Protein backbone atom coordinates (compact mmCIF):
# COMPACT_ATOMS: atom_id res chain seq x y z
CA MET A 1 43.92 94.81 15.30
CA ARG A 2 44.81 97.82 17.41
CA ILE A 3 47.67 95.90 19.10
CA VAL A 4 49.21 95.13 15.71
CA TYR A 5 48.99 98.79 14.75
CA VAL A 6 50.65 99.96 18.00
CA ALA A 7 53.32 97.24 17.74
CA SER A 8 54.19 98.24 14.16
CA ILE A 9 54.53 101.91 15.16
CA ALA A 10 56.72 100.97 18.14
CA GLY A 11 58.85 98.74 15.91
CA GLY A 12 59.25 101.56 13.41
CA ILE A 13 60.37 103.95 16.14
CA ILE A 14 62.91 101.43 17.43
CA VAL A 15 64.31 100.83 13.94
CA ALA A 16 64.56 104.58 13.30
CA ALA A 17 66.38 105.11 16.62
CA LEU A 18 68.84 102.30 15.90
CA LEU A 19 69.55 103.66 12.41
CA ALA A 20 70.13 107.16 13.84
CA MET A 21 72.58 105.80 16.43
CA TYR A 22 74.43 103.73 13.82
CA ALA A 23 74.63 106.64 11.37
CA SER A 24 76.10 108.91 14.04
CA GLN A 25 78.97 106.42 14.53
CA LEU A 26 80.03 106.37 10.87
CA PRO A 27 83.19 108.30 9.94
CA THR A 28 82.47 111.53 8.10
CA THR A 29 85.98 112.34 6.83
CA ASP A 30 88.59 110.33 4.98
CA TYR A 31 91.49 111.05 7.35
CA SER A 32 90.88 111.62 11.04
CA LEU A 33 92.75 110.72 14.22
CA SER A 34 91.56 110.77 17.83
CA VAL A 35 94.22 111.23 20.53
CA ASP A 36 93.51 110.79 24.26
CA ALA A 37 96.53 111.46 26.50
CA LEU A 38 96.01 110.40 30.12
CA LYS A 39 98.28 111.10 33.10
CA ASP A 40 97.38 109.49 36.44
CA GLN A 41 99.58 110.72 39.29
CA GLN A 42 99.86 108.27 42.16
CA THR A 43 101.71 108.76 45.43
CA LEU A 44 104.93 107.06 44.30
CA PHE A 45 104.72 107.16 40.50
CA THR A 46 102.85 108.56 37.51
CA ASN A 47 101.06 106.26 35.07
CA ALA A 48 100.70 107.73 31.57
CA ARG A 49 99.26 106.41 28.31
CA ILE A 50 98.08 107.70 24.96
CA ILE A 51 95.14 106.10 23.15
CA LEU A 52 95.20 106.58 19.37
CA SER A 53 92.14 105.82 17.21
CA ASN A 54 91.78 106.11 13.46
CA THR A 55 88.32 107.66 13.20
CA GLY A 56 88.45 108.23 9.45
CA ARG A 57 87.38 106.14 6.46
CA MET A 58 90.89 105.64 5.04
CA PRO A 59 94.09 104.14 6.52
CA LEU A 60 96.48 106.56 8.22
CA THR A 61 100.10 106.15 7.16
CA ASN A 62 103.39 107.19 8.77
CA VAL A 63 101.81 107.77 12.19
CA LEU A 64 104.45 109.23 14.52
CA VAL A 65 104.03 110.00 18.23
CA THR A 66 106.34 112.70 19.64
CA TYR A 67 106.53 112.77 23.42
CA GLY A 68 108.98 115.68 23.58
CA GLN A 69 112.71 115.91 24.29
CA ASN A 70 113.47 113.98 21.07
CA ALA A 71 111.47 110.95 22.30
CA THR A 72 109.37 109.53 19.46
CA GLU A 73 107.57 106.32 18.58
CA PHE A 74 106.75 105.27 15.02
CA ILE A 75 103.37 103.52 14.76
CA GLY A 76 103.28 103.15 10.98
CA THR A 77 99.89 102.42 9.39
CA MET A 78 96.55 102.43 11.19
CA ALA A 79 93.55 100.87 9.43
CA PRO A 80 90.14 102.56 9.76
CA GLY A 81 88.69 101.84 13.20
CA TYR A 82 92.05 100.64 14.55
CA LYS A 83 92.82 101.66 18.14
CA THR A 84 96.13 101.31 19.96
CA THR A 85 97.63 102.41 23.27
CA VAL A 86 101.20 103.62 23.68
CA SER A 87 103.13 104.70 26.77
CA PRO A 88 105.62 107.56 26.92
CA PRO A 89 109.16 106.87 28.11
CA ASP A 90 110.04 107.68 31.72
CA SER A 91 112.00 110.75 30.59
CA ALA A 92 108.98 112.45 28.94
CA GLN A 93 107.70 115.68 30.54
CA LEU A 94 104.00 114.74 30.24
CA SER A 95 102.77 118.22 29.35
CA ASN A 96 101.49 117.38 25.86
CA VAL A 97 101.96 114.87 23.07
CA THR A 98 102.09 115.51 19.32
CA VAL A 99 100.89 112.91 16.81
CA THR A 100 101.44 113.37 13.08
CA ALA A 101 100.54 111.33 10.01
CA ASP A 102 100.38 111.73 6.25
CA HIS A 103 97.58 113.79 4.65
CA GLY A 104 98.15 116.77 6.96
CA ILE A 105 97.26 115.09 10.23
CA LYS A 106 98.81 116.86 13.24
CA VAL A 107 97.24 116.62 16.70
CA ILE A 108 98.77 118.33 19.73
CA GLN A 109 97.03 117.02 22.84
CA PRO A 110 97.69 118.02 26.45
CA TYR A 111 97.62 115.24 29.02
CA ARG A 112 94.49 115.09 31.14
CA SER A 113 94.18 113.71 34.67
CA PRO A 114 91.28 111.55 35.82
CA ILE A 115 89.02 112.80 38.60
CA LYS A 116 90.01 111.45 42.01
CA LEU A 117 87.06 110.15 44.03
CA PRO A 118 87.21 109.43 47.76
CA GLY A 119 87.71 105.75 48.47
CA MET A 120 89.16 104.95 45.06
CA ILE A 121 92.66 103.52 44.67
CA GLY A 122 95.16 106.35 44.16
CA SER A 123 92.93 109.04 45.67
């Protein structure tokens, strides 16, 4: 009888933990955009990419990525939870990227560089 009691308490704790983790992943605003701009400088070239994620509950419309120097890329509509990766043109300065969308979305994100570890490719 005691084993059943302990197992039911453990099961309840597990269910509560899973619900808390799931609830923390749910979008809390209608319109939200996550922008991650990455610049990886190698010896001979620089690899750059921007990861865009719609983290809101509603679709984002008229999403536009501005790389600078009049270089832009029109993404269009992003459904909730949709994630895409874009690459800047070779002529872009790679200091920061600006992403705009309807409903007042404007994100200006500087490029970040990954940490170089000894023994890793590109270090």
